[in-house]
Amino acid sequence: MSRKKTLRCLLCGYEVELYEGRGLFQQQIIPMECCDCHTVQNIVVGGIIGEVAPSFNSETGRLCPQCSSMNIRRWNLHSCPKCGGEMTPTGKDEFWT
């Protein structure tokens, strides 16, 4: 079973969707923080797409889907990339199999 949940910053209201579990094609979705556009972007890693395009087997060397920056890193899951505030769950969770 997979799950999508939404987090919101207590200070500025920025929202991000996180995905837990594996997708339909066995890929993982990793939240990455872009230090240039100050957003969290979800990066698809592995699964069937990783077999076809080996560059998708890790987050190394990937670009931000929003601004094409190489200045991305794995997000810490709690600090707002916009203002540094605390991100908290909104209760908008969705489950699927």
PDB file of N, CA and C in Angstrom:
ATOM      1  N   MET A   1       0.837  -1.170   0.000  1.00  0.00           N
ATOM      2  CA  MET A   1       0.000   0.000   0.000  1.00  0.00           C
ATOM      3  C   MET A   1       0.889   1.243   0.000  1.00  0.00           C
ATOM      4  N   SER A   2       0.499   2.232  -0.753  1.00  0.00           N
ATOM      5  CA  SER A   2       1.214   3.496  -0.816  1.00  0.00           C
ATOM      6  C   SER A   2       0.376   4.575  -0.156  1.00  0.00           C
ATOM      7  N   ARG A   3       1.056   5.674   0.187  1.00  0.00           N
ATOM      8  CA  ARG A   3       0.361   6.756   0.874  1.00  0.00           C
ATOM      9  C   ARG A   3       0.904   8.096   0.409  1.00  0.00           C
ATOM     10  N   LYS A   4       0.008   9.047   0.235  1.00  0.00           N
ATOM     11  CA  LYS A   4       0.397  10.419  -0.065  1.00  0.00           C
ATOM     12  C   LYS A   4      -0.103  11.282   1.075  1.00  0.00           C
ATOM     13  N   LYS A   5       0.789  12.099   1.645  1.00  0.00           N
ATOM     14  CA  LYS A   5       0.345  12.998   2.700  1.00  0.00           C
ATOM     15  C   LYS A   5       0.838  14.409   2.407  1.00  0.00           C
ATOM     16  N   THR A   6       0.122  15.378   2.939  1.00  0.00           N
ATOM     17  CA  THR A   6       0.431  16.779   2.711  1.00  0.00           C
ATOM     18  C   THR A   6       0.955  17.395   4.000  1.00  0.00           C
ATOM     19  N   LEU A   7       2.050  18.157   3.867  1.00  0.00           N
ATOM     20  CA  LEU A   7       2.610  18.906   4.995  1.00  0.00           C
ATOM     21  C   LEU A   7       2.478  20.393   4.693  1.00  0.00           C
ATOM     22  N   ARG A   8       2.258  21.203   5.740  1.00  0.00           N
ATOM     23  CA  ARG A   8       2.135  22.653   5.577  1.00  0.00           C
ATOM     24  C   ARG A   8       3.030  23.345   6.606  1.00  0.00           C
ATOM     25  N   CYS A   9       3.663  24.438   6.177  1.00  0.00           N
ATOM     26  CA  CYS A   9       4.496  25.238   7.068  1.00  0.00           C
ATOM     27  C   CYS A   9       3.608  26.048   8.004  1.00  0.00           C
ATOM     28  N   LEU A  10       3.933  26.024   9.282  1.00  0.00           N
ATOM     29  CA  LEU A  10       3.172  26.779  10.268  1.00  0.00           C
ATOM     30  C   LEU A  10       3.363  28.282  10.119  1.00  0.00           C
ATOM     31  N   LEU A  11       4.504  28.709   9.576  1.00  0.00           N
ATOM     32  CA  LEU A  11       4.788  30.141   9.459  1.00  0.00           C
ATOM     33  C   LEU A  11       4.285  30.767   8.163  1.00  0.00           C
ATOM     34  N   CYS A  12       4.604  30.163   7.014  1.00  0.00           N
ATOM     35  CA  CYS A  12       4.288  30.803   5.732  1.00  0.00           C
ATOM     36  C   CYS A  12       3.188  30.110   4.932  1.00  0.00           C
ATOM     37  N   GLY A  13       2.771  28.907   5.331  1.00  0.00           N
ATOM     38  CA  GLY A  13       1.698  28.209   4.640  1.00  0.00           C
ATOM     39  C   GLY A  13       2.126  27.378   3.438  1.00  0.00           C
ATOM     40  N   TYR A  14       3.440  27.308   3.133  1.00  0.00           N
ATOM     41  CA  TYR A  14       3.922  26.497   2.014  1.00  0.00           C
ATOM     42  C   TYR A  14       3.501  25.047   2.226  1.00  0.00           C
ATOM     43  N   GLU A  15       3.003  24.380   1.171  1.00  0.00           N
ATOM     44  CA  GLU A  15       2.571  22.990   1.255  1.00  0.00           C
ATOM     45  C   GLU A  15       3.386  22.107   0.328  1.00  0.00           C
ATOM     46  N   VAL A  16       3.578  20.871   0.743  1.00  0.00           N
ATOM     47  CA  VAL A  16       4.280  19.880  -0.063  1.00  0.00           C
ATOM     48  C   VAL A  16       3.585  18.528   0.123  1.00  0.00           C
ATOM     49  N   GLU A  17       3.564  17.739  -0.954  1.00  0.00           N
ATOM     50  CA  GLU A  17       3.012  16.390  -0.902  1.00  0.00           C
ATOM     51  C   GLU A  17       4.155  15.390  -0.830  1.00  0.00           C
ATOM     52  N   LEU A  18       4.068  14.459   0.109  1.00  0.00           N
ATOM     53  CA  LEU A  18       5.055  13.403   0.272  1.00  0.00           C
ATOM     54  C   LEU A  18       4.426  12.072  -0.107  1.00  0.00           C
ATOM     55  N   TYR A  19       5.229  11.206  -0.686  1.00  0.00           N
ATOM     56  CA  TYR A  19       4.773   9.881  -1.096  1.00  0.00           C
ATOM     57  C   TYR A  19       5.573   8.840  -0.333  1.00  0.00           C
ATOM     58  N   GLU A  20       4.865   7.873   0.252  1.00  0.00           N
ATOM     59  CA  GLU A  20       5.504   6.784   0.978  1.00  0.00           C
ATOM     60  C   GLU A  20       5.123   5.474   0.304  1.00  0.00           C
ATOM     61  N   GLY A  21       6.056   4.545   0.282  1.00  0.00           N
ATOM     62  CA  GLY A  21       5.812   3.277  -0.387  1.00  0.00           C
ATOM     63  C   GLY A  21       6.352   3.308  -1.804  1.00  0.00           C
ATOM     64  N   ARG A  22       5.979   2.342  -2.594  1.00  0.00           N
ATOM     65  CA  ARG A  22       6.438   2.246  -3.981  1.00  0.00           C
ATOM     66  C   ARG A  22       5.276   2.485  -4.929  1.00  0.00           C
ATOM     67  N   GLY A  23       5.587   3.023  -6.103  1.00  0.00           N
ATOM     68  CA  GLY A  23       4.580   3.290  -7.118  1.00  0.00           C
ATOM     69  C   GLY A  23       4.218   2.056  -7.917  1.00  0.00           C
ATOM     70  N   LEU A  24       3.340   2.250  -8.871  1.00  0.00           N
ATOM     71  CA  LEU A  24       2.835   1.179  -9.720  1.00  0.00           C
ATOM     72  C   LEU A  24       3.966   0.407 -10.408  1.00  0.00           C
ATOM     73  N   PHE A  25       5.015   1.104 -10.818  1.00  0.00           N
ATOM     74  CA  PHE A  25       6.135   0.468 -11.518  1.00  0.00           C
ATOM     75  C   PHE A  25       7.331   0.243 -10.600  1.00  0.00           C
ATOM     76  N   GLN A  26       7.053   0.119  -9.284  1.00  0.00           N
ATOM     77  CA  GLN A  26       8.039  -0.181  -8.249  1.00  0.00           C
ATOM     78  C   GLN A  26       9.077   0.927  -8.025  1.00  0.00           C
ATOM     79  N   GLN A  27       8.776   2.137  -8.458  1.00  0.00           N
ATOM     80  CA  GLN A  27       9.678   3.255  -8.240  1.00  0.00           C
ATOM     81  C   GLN A  27       9.434   3.872  -6.860  1.00  0.00           C
ATOM     82  N   GLN A  28      10.451   4.532  -6.333  1.00  0.00           N
ATOM     83  CA  GLN A  28      10.323   5.332  -5.128  1.00  0.00           C
ATOM     84  C   GLN A  28      10.190   6.792  -5.543  1.00  0.00           C
ATOM     85  N   ILE A  29       9.546   7.570  -4.730  1.00  0.00           N
ATOM     86  CA  ILE A  29       9.458   9.003  -4.969  1.00  0.00           C
ATOM     87  C   ILE A  29      10.134   9.685  -3.781  1.00  0.00           C
ATOM     88  N   ILE A  30      11.268  10.326  -4.058  1.00  0.00           N
ATOM     89  CA  ILE A  30      12.115  10.917  -3.022  1.00  0.00           C
ATOM     90  C   ILE A  30      11.915  12.432  -3.005  1.00  0.00           C
ATOM     91  N   PRO A  31      11.585  13.022  -1.837  1.00  0.00           N
ATOM     92  CA  PRO A  31      11.470  14.478  -1.772  1.00  0.00           C
ATOM     93  C   PRO A  31      12.855  15.124  -1.705  1.00  0.00           C
ATOM     94  N   MET A  32      13.119  16.023  -2.635  1.00  0.00           N
ATOM     95  CA  MET A  32      14.400  16.718  -2.706  1.00  0.00           C
ATOM     96  C   MET A  32      14.169  18.210  -2.521  1.00  0.00           C
ATOM     97  N   GLU A  33      15.044  18.861  -1.777  1.00  0.00           N
ATOM     98  CA  GLU A  33      14.961  20.302  -1.553  1.00  0.00           C
ATOM     99  C   GLU A  33      15.884  21.013  -2.530  1.00  0.00           C
ATOM    100  N   CYS A  34      15.360  21.997  -3.238  1.00  0.00           N
ATOM    101  CA  CYS A  34      16.176  22.798  -4.137  1.00  0.00           C
ATOM    102  C   CYS A  34      16.614  24.050  -3.384  1.00  0.00           C
ATOM    103  N   CYS A  35      17.910  24.250  -3.292  1.00  0.00           N
ATOM    104  CA  CYS A  35      18.463  25.393  -2.572  1.00  0.00           C
ATOM    105  C   CYS A  35      18.418  26.674  -3.407  1.00  0.00           C
ATOM    106  N   ASP A  36      18.073  26.576  -4.681  1.00  0.00           N
ATOM    107  CA  ASP A  36      17.986  27.757  -5.538  1.00  0.00           C
ATOM    108  C   ASP A  36      16.564  28.314  -5.624  1.00  0.00           C
ATOM    109  N   CYS A  37      15.565  27.464  -5.887  1.00  0.00           N
ATOM    110  CA  CYS A  37      14.186  27.972  -5.978  1.00  0.00           C
ATOM    111  C   CYS A  37      13.411  27.769  -4.675  1.00  0.00           C
ATOM    112  N   HIS A  38      14.050  27.167  -3.669  1.00  0.00           N
ATOM    113  CA  HIS A  38      13.479  27.003  -2.326  1.00  0.00           C
ATOM    114  C   HIS A  38      12.136  26.283  -2.350  1.00  0.00           C
ATOM    115  N   THR A  39      12.121  25.139  -3.031  1.00  0.00           N
ATOM    116  CA  THR A  39      10.937  24.294  -3.090  1.00  0.00           C
ATOM    117  C   THR A  39      11.337  22.862  -2.774  1.00  0.00           C
ATOM    118  N   VAL A  40      10.346  22.038  -2.522  1.00  0.00           N
ATOM    119  CA  VAL A  40      10.555  20.598  -2.408  1.00  0.00           C
ATOM    120  C   VAL A  40       9.989  19.993  -3.680  1.00  0.00           C
ATOM    121  N   GLN A  41      10.796  19.199  -4.364  1.00  0.00           N
ATOM    122  CA  GLN A  41      10.386  18.542  -5.600  1.00  0.00           C
ATOM    123  C   GLN A  41      10.506  17.038  -5.403  1.00  0.00           C
ATOM    124  N   ASN A  42       9.536  16.299  -5.904  1.00  0.00           N
ATOM    125  CA  ASN A  42       9.548  14.841  -5.806  1.00  0.00           C
ATOM    126  C   ASN A  42      10.278  14.262  -7.009  1.00  0.00           C
ATOM    127  N   ILE A  43      11.280  13.444  -6.739  1.00  0.00           N
ATOM    128  CA  ILE A  43      12.123  12.837  -7.767  1.00  0.00           C
ATOM    129  C   ILE A  43      11.816  11.341  -7.831  1.00  0.00           C
ATOM    130  N   VAL A  44      11.521  10.831  -9.017  1.00  0.00           N
ATOM    131  CA  VAL A  44      11.274   9.403  -9.221  1.00  0.00           C
ATOM    132  C   VAL A  44      12.618   8.683  -9.306  1.00  0.00           C
ATOM    133  N   VAL A  45      12.749   7.606  -8.518  1.00  0.00           N
ATOM    134  CA  VAL A  45      14.007   6.854  -8.470  1.00  0.00           C
ATOM    135  C   VAL A  45      13.708   5.362  -8.585  1.00  0.00           C
ATOM    136  N   GLY A  46      14.460   4.683  -9.447  1.00  0.00           N
ATOM    137  CA  GLY A  46      14.404   3.231  -9.560  1.00  0.00           C
ATOM    138  C   GLY A  46      13.184   2.701 -10.283  1.00  0.00           C
ATOM    139  N   GLY A  47      12.858   1.463  -9.969  1.00  0.00           N
ATOM    140  CA  GLY A  47      11.724   0.798 -10.604  1.00  0.00           C
ATOM    141  C   GLY A  47      12.000   0.501 -12.069  1.00  0.00           C
ATOM    142  N   ILE A  48      10.956   0.329 -12.828  1.00  0.00           N
ATOM    143  CA  ILE A  48      11.085   0.000 -14.248  1.00  0.00           C
ATOM    144  C   ILE A  48      11.781   1.112 -15.014  1.00  0.00           C
ATOM    145  N   ILE A  49      11.476   2.371 -14.670  1.00  0.00           N
ATOM    146  CA  ILE A  49      12.131   3.485 -15.374  1.00  0.00           C
ATOM    147  C   ILE A  49      13.650   3.457 -15.142  1.00  0.00           C
ATOM    148  N   GLY A  50      14.090   3.005 -13.969  1.00  0.00           N
ATOM    149  CA  GLY A  50      15.517   2.887 -13.679  1.00  0.00           C
ATOM    150  C   GLY A  50      16.191   1.809 -14.517  1.00  0.00           C
ATOM    151  N   GLU A  51      15.429   0.789 -14.897  1.00  0.00           N
ATOM    152  CA  GLU A  51      15.976  -0.254 -15.756  1.00  0.00           C
ATOM    153  C   GLU A  51      16.182   0.262 -17.174  1.00  0.00           C
ATOM    154  N   VAL A  52      15.279   1.119 -17.629  1.00  0.00           N
ATOM    155  CA  VAL A  52      15.348   1.667 -18.981  1.00  0.00           C
ATOM    156  C   VAL A  52      16.326   2.841 -19.058  1.00  0.00           C
ATOM    157  N   ALA A  53      16.316   3.692 -18.028  1.00  0.00           N
ATOM    158  CA  ALA A  53      17.179   4.877 -17.980  1.00  0.00           C
ATOM    159  C   ALA A  53      17.995   4.824 -16.684  1.00  0.00           C
ATOM    160  N   PRO A  54      19.209   4.250 -16.726  1.00  0.00           N
ATOM    161  CA  PRO A  54      20.010   4.055 -15.519  1.00  0.00           C
ATOM    162  C   PRO A  54      20.249   5.321 -14.694  1.00  0.00           C
ATOM    163  N   SER A  55      20.178   6.500 -15.312  1.00  0.00           N
ATOM    164  CA  SER A  55      20.380   7.733 -14.543  1.00  0.00           C
ATOM    165  C   SER A  55      19.260   7.948 -13.520  1.00  0.00           C
ATOM    166  N   PHE A  56      18.152   7.209 -13.645  1.00  0.00           N
ATOM    167  CA  PHE A  56      17.043   7.316 -12.697  1.00  0.00           C
ATOM    168  C   PHE A  56      17.181   6.346 -11.520  1.00  0.00           C
ATOM    169  N   ASN A  57      18.308   5.631 -11.420  1.00  0.00           N
ATOM    170  CA  ASN A  57      18.491   4.677 -10.339  1.00  0.00           C
ATOM    171  C   ASN A  57      18.902   5.315  -9.023  1.00  0.00           C
ATOM    172  N   SER A  58      19.268   6.597  -9.020  1.00  0.00           N
ATOM    173  CA  SER A  58      19.580   7.309  -7.779  1.00  0.00           C
ATOM    174  C   SER A  58      19.259   8.786  -7.958  1.00  0.00           C
ATOM    175  N   GLU A  59      19.310   9.524  -6.854  1.00  0.00           N
ATOM    176  CA  GLU A  59      19.076  10.960  -6.942  1.00  0.00           C
ATOM    177  C   GLU A  59      20.342  11.736  -7.288  1.00  0.00           C
ATOM    178  N   THR A  60      21.476  11.075  -7.321  1.00  0.00           N
ATOM    179  CA  THR A  60      22.750  11.702  -7.652  1.00  0.00           C
ATOM    180  C   THR A  60      22.746  12.225  -9.081  1.00  0.00           C
ATOM    181  N   GLY A  61      23.161  13.471  -9.254  1.00  0.00           N
ATOM    182  CA  GLY A  61      23.275  14.056 -10.577  1.00  0.00           C
ATOM    183  C   GLY A  61      21.961  14.530 -11.180  1.00  0.00           C
ATOM    184  N   ARG A  62      20.888  14.517 -10.423  1.00  0.00           N
ATOM    185  CA  ARG A  62      19.586  14.917 -10.942  1.00  0.00           C
ATOM    186  C   ARG A  62      19.414  16.429 -10.849  1.00  0.00           C
ATOM    187  N   LEU A  63      18.485  16.952 -11.620  1.00  0.00           N
ATOM    188  CA  LEU A  63      18.193  18.376 -11.645  1.00  0.00           C
ATOM    189  C   LEU A  63      16.838  18.644 -10.996  1.00  0.00           C
ATOM    190  N   CYS A  64      16.665  19.848 -10.483  1.00  0.00           N
ATOM    191  CA  CYS A  64      15.382  20.275  -9.936  1.00  0.00           C
ATOM    192  C   CYS A  64      14.372  20.376 -11.075  1.00  0.00           C
ATOM    193  N   PRO A  65      13.231  19.701 -10.981  1.00  0.00           N
ATOM    194  CA  PRO A  65      12.216  19.787 -12.031  1.00  0.00           C
ATOM    195  C   PRO A  65      11.613  21.190 -12.181  1.00  0.00           C
ATOM    196  N   GLN A  66      11.700  22.010 -11.150  1.00  0.00           N
ATOM    197  CA  GLN A  66      11.127  23.351 -11.178  1.00  0.00           C
ATOM    198  C   GLN A  66      12.031  24.350 -11.902  1.00  0.00           C
ATOM    199  N   CYS A  67      13.351  24.353 -11.561  1.00  0.00           N
ATOM    200  CA  CYS A  67      14.240  25.400 -12.086  1.00  0.00           C
ATOM    201  C   CYS A  67      15.481  24.857 -12.797  1.00  0.00           C
ATOM    202  N   SER A  68      15.623  23.543 -12.878  1.00  0.00           N
ATOM    203  CA  SER A  68      16.758  22.861 -13.526  1.00  0.00           C
ATOM    204  C   SER A  68      18.088  23.048 -12.808  1.00  0.00           C
ATOM    205  N   SER A  69      18.064  23.450 -11.564  1.00  0.00           N
ATOM    206  CA  SER A  69      19.288  23.607 -10.785  1.00  0.00           C
ATOM    207  C   SER A  69      19.855  22.241 -10.399  1.00  0.00           C
ATOM    208  N   MET A  70      21.167  22.164 -10.300  1.00  0.00           N
ATOM    209  CA  MET A  70      21.826  20.958  -9.786  1.00  0.00           C
ATOM    210  C   MET A  70      21.991  21.033  -8.270  1.00  0.00           C
ATOM    211  N   ASN A  71      21.589  22.146  -7.671  1.00  0.00           N
ATOM    212  CA  ASN A  71      21.776  22.405  -6.251  1.00  0.00           C
ATOM    213  C   ASN A  71      20.606  21.841  -5.439  1.00  0.00           C
ATOM    214  N   ILE A  72      20.424  20.510  -5.532  1.00  0.00           N
ATOM    215  CA  ILE A  72      19.355  19.849  -4.785  1.00  0.00           C
ATOM    216  C   ILE A  72      19.955  18.833  -3.828  1.00  0.00           C
ATOM    217  N   ARG A  73      19.213  18.568  -2.772  1.00  0.00           N
ATOM    218  CA  ARG A  73      19.641  17.582  -1.760  1.00  0.00           C
ATOM    219  C   ARG A  73      18.394  16.941  -1.172  1.00  0.00           C
ATOM    220  N   ARG A  74      18.595  15.814  -0.537  1.00  0.00           N
ATOM    221  CA  ARG A  74      17.472  15.113   0.081  1.00  0.00           C
ATOM    222  C   ARG A  74      16.882  16.011   1.171  1.00  0.00           C
ATOM    223  N   TRP A  75      15.569  16.170   1.147  1.00  0.00           N
ATOM    224  CA  TRP A  75      14.896  17.047   2.101  1.00  0.00           C
ATOM    225  C   TRP A  75      14.822  16.384   3.467  1.00  0.00           C
ATOM    226  N   ASN A  76      14.937  17.186   4.542  1.00  0.00           N
ATOM    227  CA  ASN A  76      14.929  16.640   5.904  1.00  0.00           C
ATOM    228  C   ASN A  76      13.529  16.343   6.444  1.00  0.00           C
ATOM    229  N   LEU A  77      12.491  16.586   5.667  1.00  0.00           N
ATOM    230  CA  LEU A  77      11.098  16.248   5.970  1.00  0.00           C
ATOM    231  C   LEU A  77      10.449  17.103   7.058  1.00  0.00           C
ATOM    232  N   HIS A  78      11.133  18.137   7.543  1.00  0.00           N
ATOM    233  CA  HIS A  78      10.474  18.954   8.569  1.00  0.00           C
ATOM    234  C   HIS A  78      10.730  20.452   8.467  1.00  0.00           C
ATOM    235  N   SER A  79      11.766  20.913   7.805  1.00  0.00           N
ATOM    236  CA  SER A  79      12.045  22.349   7.688  1.00  0.00           C
ATOM    237  C   SER A  79      11.477  22.900   6.387  1.00  0.00           C
ATOM    238  N   CYS A  80      10.776  24.017   6.480  1.00  0.00           N
ATOM    239  CA  CYS A  80      10.218  24.649   5.291  1.00  0.00           C
ATOM    240  C   CYS A  80      11.342  25.205   4.417  1.00  0.00           C
ATOM    241  N   PRO A  81      11.370  24.868   3.127  1.00  0.00           N
ATOM    242  CA  PRO A  81      12.428  25.370   2.247  1.00  0.00           C
ATOM    243  C   PRO A  81      12.270  26.864   1.942  1.00  0.00           C
ATOM    244  N   LYS A  82      11.080  27.413   2.162  1.00  0.00           N
ATOM    245  CA  LYS A  82      10.824  28.833   1.885  1.00  0.00           C
ATOM    246  C   LYS A  82      11.289  29.731   3.027  1.00  0.00           C
ATOM    247  N   CYS A  83      10.923  29.369   4.283  1.00  0.00           N
ATOM    248  CA  CYS A  83      11.183  30.270   5.407  1.00  0.00           C
ATOM    249  C   CYS A  83      11.914  29.632   6.577  1.00  0.00           C
ATOM    250  N   GLY A  84      12.113  28.291   6.544  1.00  0.00           N
ATOM    251  CA  GLY A  84      12.794  27.605   7.641  1.00  0.00           C
ATOM    252  C   GLY A  84      11.865  27.191   8.771  1.00  0.00           C
ATOM    253  N   GLY A  85      10.563  27.500   8.648  1.00  0.00           N
ATOM    254  CA  GLY A  85       9.593  27.127   9.683  1.00  0.00           C
ATOM    255  C   GLY A  85       9.379  25.630   9.763  1.00  0.00           C
ATOM    256  N   GLU A  86       8.553  25.221  10.691  1.00  0.00           N
ATOM    257  CA  GLU A  86       8.266  23.805  10.921  1.00  0.00           C
ATOM    258  C   GLU A  86       7.106  23.345  10.043  1.00  0.00           C
ATOM    259  N   MET A  87       7.312  22.250   9.323  1.00  0.00           N
ATOM    260  CA  MET A  87       6.271  21.643   8.489  1.00  0.00           C
ATOM    261  C   MET A  87       5.506  20.628   9.337  1.00  0.00           C
ATOM    262  N   THR A  88       4.180  20.673   9.264  1.00  0.00           N
ATOM    263  CA  THR A  88       3.347  19.741  10.022  1.00  0.00           C
ATOM    264  C   THR A  88       2.310  19.094   9.103  1.00  0.00           C
ATOM    265  N   PRO A  89       1.887  17.874   9.428  1.00  0.00           N
ATOM    266  CA  PRO A  89       0.868  17.203   8.617  1.00  0.00           C
ATOM    267  C   PRO A  89      -0.453  17.958   8.643  1.00  0.00           C
ATOM    268  N   THR A  90      -1.135  17.967   7.499  1.00  0.00           N
ATOM    269  CA  THR A  90      -2.430  18.645   7.394  1.00  0.00           C
ATOM    270  C   THR A  90      -3.591  17.690   7.643  1.00  0.00           C
ATOM    271  N   GLY A  91      -3.316  16.404   7.603  1.00  0.00           N
ATOM    272  CA  GLY A  91      -4.386  15.412   7.737  1.00  0.00           C
ATOM    273  C   GLY A  91      -4.980  15.009   6.398  1.00  0.00           C
ATOM    274  N   LYS A  92      -4.486  15.601   5.297  1.00  0.00           N
ATOM    275  CA  LYS A  92      -4.953  15.242   3.951  1.00  0.00           C
ATOM    276  C   LYS A  92      -4.159  14.043   3.443  1.00  0.00           C
ATOM    277  N   ASP A  93      -4.407  12.881   3.996  1.00  0.00           N
ATOM    278  CA  ASP A  93      -3.709  11.668   3.584  1.00  0.00           C
ATOM    279  C   ASP A  93      -4.566  10.883   2.614  1.00  0.00           C
ATOM    280  N   GLU A  94      -3.910  10.280   1.624  1.00  0.00           N
ATOM    281  CA  GLU A  94      -4.595   9.399   0.676  1.00  0.00           C
ATOM    282  C   GLU A  94      -3.849   8.078   0.627  1.00  0.00           C
ATOM    283  N   PHE A  95      -4.588   6.983   0.550  1.00  0.00           N
ATOM    284  CA  PHE A  95      -4.001   5.650   0.479  1.00  0.00           C
ATOM    285  C   PHE A  95      -4.439   4.986  -0.818  1.00  0.00           C
ATOM    286  N   TRP A  96      -3.558   4.176  -1.386  1.00  0.00           N
ATOM    287  CA  TRP A  96      -3.907   3.372  -2.555  1.00  0.00           C
ATOM    288  C   TRP A  96      -3.040   2.132  -2.565  1.00  0.00           C
ATOM    289  N   THR A  97      -3.488   1.126  -3.302  1.00  0.00           N
ATOM    290  CA  THR A  97      -2.750  -0.141  -3.358  1.00  0.00           C
ATOM    291  C   THR A  97      -2.082  -0.309  -4.690  1.00  0.00           C
TER     292      THR A  97
END
